[in-house]
Amino acid sequence: YWYRQAPGKQRELVALMLSGGSTNYADSVKGR
């Protein structure tokens, strides 16, 4: 998993890859 935390904000999940290879992304970064 990749998380990020901006100043003054909660940590958020950005992207993940599971053991089977499937991936998922936060809406804010999809396509980028």
PDB file of all heavy atoms in Angstrom:
ATOM      1  N   TYR A   1       0.829  -1.189   0.000  1.00  0.00           N
ATOM      2  CA  TYR A   1       0.000   0.000   0.000  1.00  0.00           C
ATOM      3  C   TYR A   1       0.876   1.256   0.000  1.00  0.00           C
ATOM      4  O   TYR A   1       1.952   1.264   0.590  1.00  0.00           O
ATOM      5  CB  TYR A   1      -0.886   0.039   1.252  1.00  0.00           C
ATOM      6  CG  TYR A   1      -1.756  -1.177   1.426  1.00  0.00           C
ATOM      7  CD1 TYR A   1      -1.248  -2.368   1.922  1.00  0.00           C
ATOM      8  CD2 TYR A   1      -3.111  -1.140   1.111  1.00  0.00           C
ATOM      9  CE1 TYR A   1      -2.036  -3.489   2.082  1.00  0.00           C
ATOM     10  CE2 TYR A   1      -3.921  -2.252   1.274  1.00  0.00           C
ATOM     11  CZ  TYR A   1      -3.376  -3.419   1.761  1.00  0.00           C
ATOM     12  OH  TYR A   1      -4.160  -4.528   1.913  1.00  0.00           O
ATOM     13  N   TRP A   2       0.367   2.288  -0.631  1.00  0.00           N
ATOM     14  CA  TRP A   2       0.956   3.620  -0.532  1.00  0.00           C
ATOM     15  C   TRP A   2      -0.062   4.539   0.135  1.00  0.00           C
ATOM     16  O   TRP A   2      -1.200   4.670  -0.337  1.00  0.00           O
ATOM     17  CB  TRP A   2       1.324   4.168  -1.898  1.00  0.00           C
ATOM     18  CG  TRP A   2       2.544   3.553  -2.504  1.00  0.00           C
ATOM     19  CD1 TRP A   2       2.588   2.553  -3.420  1.00  0.00           C
ATOM     20  CD2 TRP A   2       3.899   3.917  -2.235  1.00  0.00           C
ATOM     21  NE1 TRP A   2       3.881   2.258  -3.739  1.00  0.00           N
ATOM     22  CE2 TRP A   2       4.715   3.086  -3.032  1.00  0.00           C
ATOM     23  CE3 TRP A   2       4.513   4.860  -1.409  1.00  0.00           C
ATOM     24  CZ2 TRP A   2       6.108   3.164  -3.015  1.00  0.00           C
ATOM     25  CZ3 TRP A   2       5.885   4.938  -1.399  1.00  0.00           C
ATOM     26  CH2 TRP A   2       6.671   4.106  -2.190  1.00  0.00           C
ATOM     27  N   TYR A   3       0.363   5.169   1.213  1.00  0.00           N
ATOM     28  CA  TYR A   3      -0.437   6.174   1.902  1.00  0.00           C
ATOM     29  C   TYR A   3       0.279   7.521   1.773  1.00  0.00           C
ATOM     30  O   TYR A   3       1.463   7.581   1.470  1.00  0.00           O
ATOM     31  CB  TYR A   3      -0.565   5.846   3.398  1.00  0.00           C
ATOM     32  CG  TYR A   3      -1.535   4.755   3.744  1.00  0.00           C
ATOM     33  CD1 TYR A   3      -1.182   3.411   3.624  1.00  0.00           C
ATOM     34  CD2 TYR A   3      -2.807   5.058   4.218  1.00  0.00           C
ATOM     35  CE1 TYR A   3      -2.080   2.401   3.952  1.00  0.00           C
ATOM     36  CE2 TYR A   3      -3.708   4.053   4.564  1.00  0.00           C
ATOM     37  CZ  TYR A   3      -3.334   2.736   4.426  1.00  0.00           C
ATOM     38  OH  TYR A   3      -4.219   1.745   4.759  1.00  0.00           O
ATOM     39  N   ARG A   4      -0.465   8.578   2.049  1.00  0.00           N
ATOM     40  CA  ARG A   4       0.162   9.886   2.129  1.00  0.00           C
ATOM     41  C   ARG A   4      -0.510  10.699   3.231  1.00  0.00           C
ATOM     42  O   ARG A   4      -1.661  10.465   3.567  1.00  0.00           O
ATOM     43  CB  ARG A   4       0.093  10.640   0.799  1.00  0.00           C
ATOM     44  CG  ARG A   4      -1.296  11.074   0.364  1.00  0.00           C
ATOM     45  CD  ARG A   4      -1.240  11.694  -1.021  1.00  0.00           C
ATOM     46  NE  ARG A   4      -2.560  12.131  -1.472  1.00  0.00           N
ATOM     47  CZ  ARG A   4      -2.823  12.584  -2.697  1.00  0.00           C
ATOM     48  NH1 ARG A   4      -1.827  12.658  -3.598  1.00  0.00           N
ATOM     49  NH2 ARG A   4      -4.027  12.959  -3.026  1.00  0.00           N
ATOM     50  N   GLN A   5       0.256  11.639   3.748  1.00  0.00           N
ATOM     51  CA  GLN A   5      -0.279  12.525   4.776  1.00  0.00           C
ATOM     52  C   GLN A   5       0.225  13.930   4.521  1.00  0.00           C
ATOM     53  O   GLN A   5       1.442  14.181   4.546  1.00  0.00           O
ATOM     54  CB  GLN A   5       0.117  12.065   6.175  1.00  0.00           C
ATOM     55  CG  GLN A   5      -0.573  12.848   7.274  1.00  0.00           C
ATOM     56  CD  GLN A   5      -0.453  12.172   8.626  1.00  0.00           C
ATOM     57  OE1 GLN A   5       0.418  11.345   8.858  1.00  0.00           O
ATOM     58  NE2 GLN A   5      -1.360  12.522   9.534  1.00  0.00           N
ATOM     59  N   ALA A   6      -0.713  14.811   4.265  1.00  0.00           N
ATOM     60  CA  ALA A   6      -0.400  16.216   4.069  1.00  0.00           C
ATOM     61  C   ALA A   6      -0.481  16.929   5.413  1.00  0.00           C
ATOM     62  O   ALA A   6      -1.173  16.469   6.321  1.00  0.00           O
ATOM     63  CB  ALA A   6      -1.365  16.833   3.070  1.00  0.00           C
ATOM     64  N   PRO A   7       0.197  18.058   5.540  1.00  0.00           N
ATOM     65  CA  PRO A   7       0.161  18.798   6.808  1.00  0.00           C
ATOM     66  C   PRO A   7      -1.267  19.134   7.225  1.00  0.00           C
ATOM     67  O   PRO A   7      -2.049  19.650   6.421  1.00  0.00           O
ATOM     68  CB  PRO A   7       0.956  20.072   6.491  1.00  0.00           C
ATOM     69  CG  PRO A   7       1.865  19.679   5.390  1.00  0.00           C
ATOM     70  CD  PRO A   7       1.100  18.697   4.563  1.00  0.00           C
ATOM     71  N   GLY A   8      -1.599  18.814   8.451  1.00  0.00           N
ATOM     72  CA  GLY A   8      -2.909  19.136   8.974  1.00  0.00           C
ATOM     73  C   GLY A   8      -4.029  18.233   8.504  1.00  0.00           C
ATOM     74  O   GLY A   8      -5.200  18.484   8.811  1.00  0.00           O
ATOM     75  N   LYS A   9      -3.680  17.193   7.767  1.00  0.00           N
ATOM     76  CA  LYS A   9      -4.700  16.285   7.242  1.00  0.00           C
ATOM     77  C   LYS A   9      -4.458  14.870   7.723  1.00  0.00           C
ATOM     78  O   LYS A   9      -3.356  14.510   8.136  1.00  0.00           O
ATOM     79  CB  LYS A   9      -4.721  16.325   5.711  1.00  0.00           C
ATOM     80  CG  LYS A   9      -5.135  17.661   5.134  1.00  0.00           C
ATOM     81  CD  LYS A   9      -5.317  17.566   3.632  1.00  0.00           C
ATOM     82  CE  LYS A   9      -5.799  18.877   3.052  1.00  0.00           C
ATOM     83  NZ  LYS A   9      -6.001  18.804   1.581  1.00  0.00           N
ATOM     84  N   GLN A  10      -5.509  14.072   7.632  1.00  0.00           N
ATOM     85  CA  GLN A  10      -5.377  12.670   8.006  1.00  0.00           C
ATOM     86  C   GLN A  10      -4.635  11.899   6.920  1.00  0.00           C
ATOM     87  O   GLN A  10      -4.641  12.278   5.744  1.00  0.00           O
ATOM     88  CB  GLN A  10      -6.769  12.058   8.229  1.00  0.00           C
ATOM     89  CG  GLN A  10      -7.484  12.564   9.471  1.00  0.00           C
ATOM     90  CD  GLN A  10      -8.762  11.789   9.745  1.00  0.00           C
ATOM     91  OE1 GLN A  10      -9.411  11.306   8.822  1.00  0.00           O
ATOM     92  NE2 GLN A  10      -9.117  11.660  11.010  1.00  0.00           N
ATOM     93  N   ARG A  11      -4.012  10.819   7.353  1.00  0.00           N
ATOM     94  CA  ARG A  11      -3.343   9.953   6.396  1.00  0.00           C
ATOM     95  C   ARG A  11      -4.392   9.303   5.505  1.00  0.00           C
ATOM     96  O   ARG A  11      -5.445   8.864   5.979  1.00  0.00           O
ATOM     97  CB  ARG A  11      -2.542   8.885   7.145  1.00  0.00           C
ATOM     98  CG  ARG A  11      -1.606   8.088   6.289  1.00  0.00           C
ATOM     99  CD  ARG A  11      -0.682   7.240   7.152  1.00  0.00           C
ATOM    100  NE  ARG A  11       0.211   8.071   7.964  1.00  0.00           N
ATOM    101  CZ  ARG A  11       1.193   7.567   8.713  1.00  0.00           C
ATOM    102  NH1 ARG A  11       1.393   6.250   8.747  1.00  0.00           N
ATOM    103  NH2 ARG A  11       1.954   8.370   9.422  1.00  0.00           N
ATOM    104  N   GLU A  12      -4.123   9.255   4.211  1.00  0.00           N
ATOM    105  CA  GLU A  12      -5.074   8.676   3.278  1.00  0.00           C
ATOM    106  C   GLU A  12      -4.403   7.623   2.408  1.00  0.00           C
ATOM    107  O   GLU A  12      -3.215   7.722   2.065  1.00  0.00           O
ATOM    108  CB  GLU A  12      -5.709   9.754   2.386  1.00  0.00           C
ATOM    109  CG  GLU A  12      -4.746  10.455   1.459  1.00  0.00           C
ATOM    110  CD  GLU A  12      -5.442  11.332   0.429  1.00  0.00           C
ATOM    111  OE1 GLU A  12      -6.631  11.096   0.138  1.00  0.00           O
ATOM    112  OE2 GLU A  12      -4.771  12.251  -0.084  1.00  0.00           O
ATOM    113  N   LEU A  13      -5.184   6.639   2.036  1.00  0.00           N
ATOM    114  CA  LEU A  13      -4.708   5.578   1.158  1.00  0.00           C
ATOM    115  C   LEU A  13      -4.703   6.095  -0.277  1.00  0.00           C
ATOM    116  O   LEU A  13      -5.713   6.607  -0.761  1.00  0.00           O
ATOM    117  CB  LEU A  13      -5.605   4.350   1.271  1.00  0.00           C
ATOM    118  CG  LEU A  13      -5.287   3.167   0.363  1.00  0.00           C
ATOM    119  CD1 LEU A  13      -3.900   2.613   0.667  1.00  0.00           C
ATOM    120  CD2 LEU A  13      -6.337   2.084   0.533  1.00  0.00           C
ATOM    121  N   VAL A  14      -3.582   5.944  -0.935  1.00  0.00           N
ATOM    122  CA  VAL A  14      -3.432   6.445  -2.294  1.00  0.00           C
ATOM    123  C   VAL A  14      -3.562   5.313  -3.316  1.00  0.00           C
ATOM    124  O   VAL A  14      -4.262   5.454  -4.317  1.00  0.00           O
ATOM    125  CB  VAL A  14      -2.055   7.127  -2.454  1.00  0.00           C
ATOM    126  CG1 VAL A  14      -1.825   7.540  -3.902  1.00  0.00           C
ATOM    127  CG2 VAL A  14      -1.948   8.329  -1.526  1.00  0.00           C
ATOM    128  N   ALA A  15      -2.883   4.210  -3.046  1.00  0.00           N
ATOM    129  CA  ALA A  15      -2.872   3.112  -4.011  1.00  0.00           C
ATOM    130  C   ALA A  15      -2.546   1.818  -3.295  1.00  0.00           C
ATOM    131  O   ALA A  15      -1.902   1.825  -2.243  1.00  0.00           O
ATOM    132  CB  ALA A  15      -1.843   3.365  -5.112  1.00  0.00           C
ATOM    133  N   LEU A  16      -2.993   0.729  -3.869  1.00  0.00           N
ATOM    134  CA  LEU A  16      -2.686  -0.569  -3.289  1.00  0.00           C
ATOM    135  C   LEU A  16      -2.531  -1.611  -4.378  1.00  0.00           C
ATOM    136  O   LEU A  16      -3.079  -1.481  -5.480  1.00  0.00           O
ATOM    137  CB  LEU A  16      -3.763  -0.993  -2.296  1.00  0.00           C
ATOM    138  CG  LEU A  16      -5.178  -1.249  -2.825  1.00  0.00           C
ATOM    139  CD1 LEU A  16      -5.349  -2.716  -3.254  1.00  0.00           C
ATOM    140  CD2 LEU A  16      -6.208  -0.916  -1.763  1.00  0.00           C
ATOM    141  N   MET A  17      -1.754  -2.620  -4.029  1.00  0.00           N
ATOM    142  CA  MET A  17      -1.639  -3.788  -4.888  1.00  0.00           C
ATOM    143  C   MET A  17      -1.727  -5.010  -3.995  1.00  0.00           C
ATOM    144  O   MET A  17      -0.925  -5.166  -3.062  1.00  0.00           O
ATOM    145  CB  MET A  17      -0.326  -3.803  -5.670  1.00  0.00           C
ATOM    146  CG  MET A  17      -0.150  -5.075  -6.496  1.00  0.00           C
ATOM    147  SD  MET A  17       1.355  -5.101  -7.491  1.00  0.00           S
ATOM    148  CE  MET A  17       0.872  -4.063  -8.865  1.00  0.00           C
ATOM    149  N   LEU A  18      -2.693  -5.873  -4.266  1.00  0.00           N
ATOM    150  CA  LEU A  18      -2.868  -7.081  -3.480  1.00  0.00           C
ATOM    151  C   LEU A  18      -2.008  -8.208  -4.037  1.00  0.00           C
ATOM    152  O   LEU A  18      -1.445  -8.094  -5.136  1.00  0.00           O
ATOM    153  CB  LEU A  18      -4.336  -7.467  -3.442  1.00  0.00           C
ATOM    154  CG  LEU A  18      -5.268  -6.414  -2.827  1.00  0.00           C
ATOM    155  CD1 LEU A  18      -6.705  -6.888  -2.852  1.00  0.00           C
ATOM    156  CD2 LEU A  18      -4.839  -6.065  -1.418  1.00  0.00           C
ATOM    157  N   SER A  19      -1.944  -9.295  -3.301  1.00  0.00           N
ATOM    158  CA  SER A  19      -1.035 -10.373  -3.664  1.00  0.00           C
ATOM    159  C   SER A  19      -1.341 -10.961  -5.029  1.00  0.00           C
ATOM    160  O   SER A  19      -0.455 -11.447  -5.709  1.00  0.00           O
ATOM    161  CB  SER A  19      -1.076 -11.474  -2.605  1.00  0.00           C
ATOM    162  OG  SER A  19      -2.391 -11.966  -2.458  1.00  0.00           O
ATOM    163  N   GLY A  20      -2.595 -10.895  -5.454  1.00  0.00           N
ATOM    164  CA  GLY A  20      -2.952 -11.432  -6.758  1.00  0.00           C
ATOM    165  C   GLY A  20      -2.634 -10.502  -7.903  1.00  0.00           C
ATOM    166  O   GLY A  20      -2.816 -10.860  -9.076  1.00  0.00           O
ATOM    167  N   GLY A  21      -2.173  -9.307  -7.580  1.00  0.00           N
ATOM    168  CA  GLY A  21      -1.820  -8.340  -8.611  1.00  0.00           C
ATOM    169  C   GLY A  21      -2.874  -7.283  -8.858  1.00  0.00           C
ATOM    170  O   GLY A  21      -2.640  -6.347  -9.629  1.00  0.00           O
ATOM    171  N   SER A  22      -4.021  -7.416  -8.228  1.00  0.00           N
ATOM    172  CA  SER A  22      -5.054  -6.406  -8.438  1.00  0.00           C
ATOM    173  C   SER A  22      -4.642  -5.105  -7.774  1.00  0.00           C
ATOM    174  O   SER A  22      -3.972  -5.096  -6.740  1.00  0.00           O
ATOM    175  CB  SER A  22      -6.393  -6.887  -7.887  1.00  0.00           C
ATOM    176  OG  SER A  22      -6.308  -7.122  -6.508  1.00  0.00           O
ATOM    177  N   THR A  23      -5.051  -4.011  -8.378  1.00  0.00           N
ATOM    178  CA  THR A  23      -4.692  -2.688  -7.879  1.00  0.00           C
ATOM    179  C   THR A  23      -5.945  -1.845  -7.682  1.00  0.00           C
ATOM    180  O   THR A  23      -7.011  -2.117  -8.264  1.00  0.00           O
ATOM    181  CB  THR A  23      -3.752  -1.968  -8.856  1.00  0.00           C
ATOM    182  OG1 THR A  23      -4.407  -1.854 -10.129  1.00  0.00           O
ATOM    183  CG2 THR A  23      -2.442  -2.730  -9.035  1.00  0.00           C
ATOM    184  N   ASN A  24      -5.799  -0.828  -6.889  1.00  0.00           N
ATOM    185  CA  ASN A  24      -6.879   0.125  -6.701  1.00  0.00           C
ATOM    186  C   ASN A  24      -6.261   1.458  -6.312  1.00  0.00           C
ATOM    187  O   ASN A  24      -5.146   1.493  -5.759  1.00  0.00           O
ATOM    188  CB  ASN A  24      -7.862  -0.339  -5.620  1.00  0.00           C
ATOM    189  CG  ASN A  24      -9.245   0.233  -5.844  1.00  0.00           C
ATOM    190  OD1 ASN A  24      -9.448   1.093  -6.693  1.00  0.00           O
ATOM    191  ND2 ASN A  24     -10.212  -0.259  -5.075  1.00  0.00           N
ATOM    192  N   TYR A  25      -6.980   2.517  -6.612  1.00  0.00           N
ATOM    193  CA  TYR A  25      -6.444   3.862  -6.412  1.00  0.00           C
ATOM    194  C   TYR A  25      -7.503   4.770  -5.808  1.00  0.00           C
ATOM    195  O   TYR A  25      -8.706   4.601  -6.043  1.00  0.00           O
ATOM    196  CB  TYR A  25      -5.991   4.454  -7.752  1.00  0.00           C
ATOM    197  CG  TYR A  25      -4.917   3.650  -8.443  1.00  0.00           C
ATOM    198  CD1 TYR A  25      -5.255   2.625  -9.320  1.00  0.00           C
ATOM    199  CD2 TYR A  25      -3.575   3.897  -8.196  1.00  0.00           C
ATOM    200  CE1 TYR A  25      -4.276   1.861  -9.942  1.00  0.00           C
ATOM    201  CE2 TYR A  25      -2.588   3.144  -8.813  1.00  0.00           C
ATOM    202  CZ  TYR A  25      -2.951   2.138  -9.684  1.00  0.00           C
ATOM    203  OH  TYR A  25      -1.971   1.383 -10.292  1.00  0.00           O
ATOM    204  N   ALA A  26      -7.039   5.760  -5.080  1.00  0.00           N
ATOM    205  CA  ALA A  26      -7.928   6.810  -4.621  1.00  0.00           C
ATOM    206  C   ALA A  26      -8.440   7.571  -5.842  1.00  0.00           C
ATOM    207  O   ALA A  26      -7.725   7.729  -6.838  1.00  0.00           O
ATOM    208  CB  ALA A  26      -7.193   7.753  -3.682  1.00  0.00           C
ATOM    209  N   ASP A  27      -9.666   8.055  -5.749  1.00  0.00           N
ATOM    210  CA  ASP A  27     -10.243   8.783  -6.874  1.00  0.00           C
ATOM    211  C   ASP A  27      -9.375   9.973  -7.275  1.00  0.00           C
ATOM    212  O   ASP A  27      -9.283  10.320  -8.458  1.00  0.00           O
ATOM    213  CB  ASP A  27     -11.645   9.268  -6.520  1.00  0.00           C
ATOM    214  CG  ASP A  27     -12.653   8.137  -6.477  1.00  0.00           C
ATOM    215  OD1 ASP A  27     -12.378   7.058  -7.037  1.00  0.00           O
ATOM    216  OD2 ASP A  27     -13.731   8.330  -5.872  1.00  0.00           O
ATOM    217  N   SER A  28      -8.739  10.584  -6.295  1.00  0.00           N
ATOM    218  CA  SER A  28      -7.969  11.800  -6.554  1.00  0.00           C
ATOM    219  C   SER A  28      -6.715  11.544  -7.396  1.00  0.00           C
ATOM    220  O   SER A  28      -6.137  12.486  -7.938  1.00  0.00           O
ATOM    221  CB  SER A  28      -7.573  12.452  -5.229  1.00  0.00           C
ATOM    222  OG  SER A  28      -6.822  11.549  -4.441  1.00  0.00           O
ATOM    223  N   VAL A  29      -6.294  10.272  -7.503  1.00  0.00           N
ATOM    224  CA  VAL A  29      -5.067   9.983  -8.254  1.00  0.00           C
ATOM    225  C   VAL A  29      -5.301   9.049  -9.430  1.00  0.00           C
ATOM    226  O   VAL A  29      -4.360   8.757 -10.183  1.00  0.00           O
ATOM    227  CB  VAL A  29      -3.973   9.399  -7.338  1.00  0.00           C
ATOM    228  CG1 VAL A  29      -3.740  10.300  -6.128  1.00  0.00           C
ATOM    229  CG2 VAL A  29      -4.308   7.982  -6.891  1.00  0.00           C
ATOM    230  N   LYS A  30      -6.496   8.571  -9.603  1.00  0.00           N
ATOM    231  CA  LYS A  30      -6.782   7.642 -10.708  1.00  0.00           C
ATOM    232  C   LYS A  30      -6.423   8.275 -12.040  1.00  0.00           C
ATOM    233  O   LYS A  30      -6.733   9.428 -12.304  1.00  0.00           O
ATOM    234  CB  LYS A  30      -8.265   7.252 -10.695  1.00  0.00           C
ATOM    235  CG  LYS A  30      -8.602   6.144  -9.733  1.00  0.00           C
ATOM    236  CD  LYS A  30     -10.080   5.777  -9.799  1.00  0.00           C
ATOM    237  CE  LYS A  30     -10.405   4.695  -8.788  1.00  0.00           C
ATOM    238  NZ  LYS A  30     -11.846   4.365  -8.766  1.00  0.00           N
ATOM    239  N   GLY A  31      -5.760   7.485 -12.857  1.00  0.00           N
ATOM    240  CA  GLY A  31      -5.342   7.973 -14.165  1.00  0.00           C
ATOM    241  C   GLY A  31      -4.031   8.715 -14.148  1.00  0.00           C
ATOM    242  O   GLY A  31      -3.460   9.001 -15.208  1.00  0.00           O
ATOM    243  N   ARG A  32      -3.524   9.024 -12.955  1.00  0.00           N
ATOM    244  CA  ARG A  32      -2.258   9.752 -12.847  1.00  0.00           C
ATOM    245  C   ARG A  32      -1.177   8.924 -12.151  1.00  0.00           C
ATOM    246  O   ARG A  32      -0.001   9.051 -12.484  1.00  0.00           O
ATOM    247  CB  ARG A  32      -2.459  11.064 -12.075  1.00  0.00           C
ATOM    248  CG  ARG A  32      -3.467  12.008 -12.694  1.00  0.00           C
ATOM    249  CD  ARG A  32      -3.457  13.365 -11.996  1.00  0.00           C
ATOM    250  NE  ARG A  32      -3.875  13.270 -10.594  1.00  0.00           N
ATOM    251  CZ  ARG A  32      -3.123  13.662  -9.568  1.00  0.00           C
ATOM    252  NH1 ARG A  32      -1.917  14.165  -9.783  1.00  0.00           N
ATOM    253  NH2 ARG A  32      -3.573  13.575  -8.323  1.00  0.00           N
TER     254      ARG A  32
END
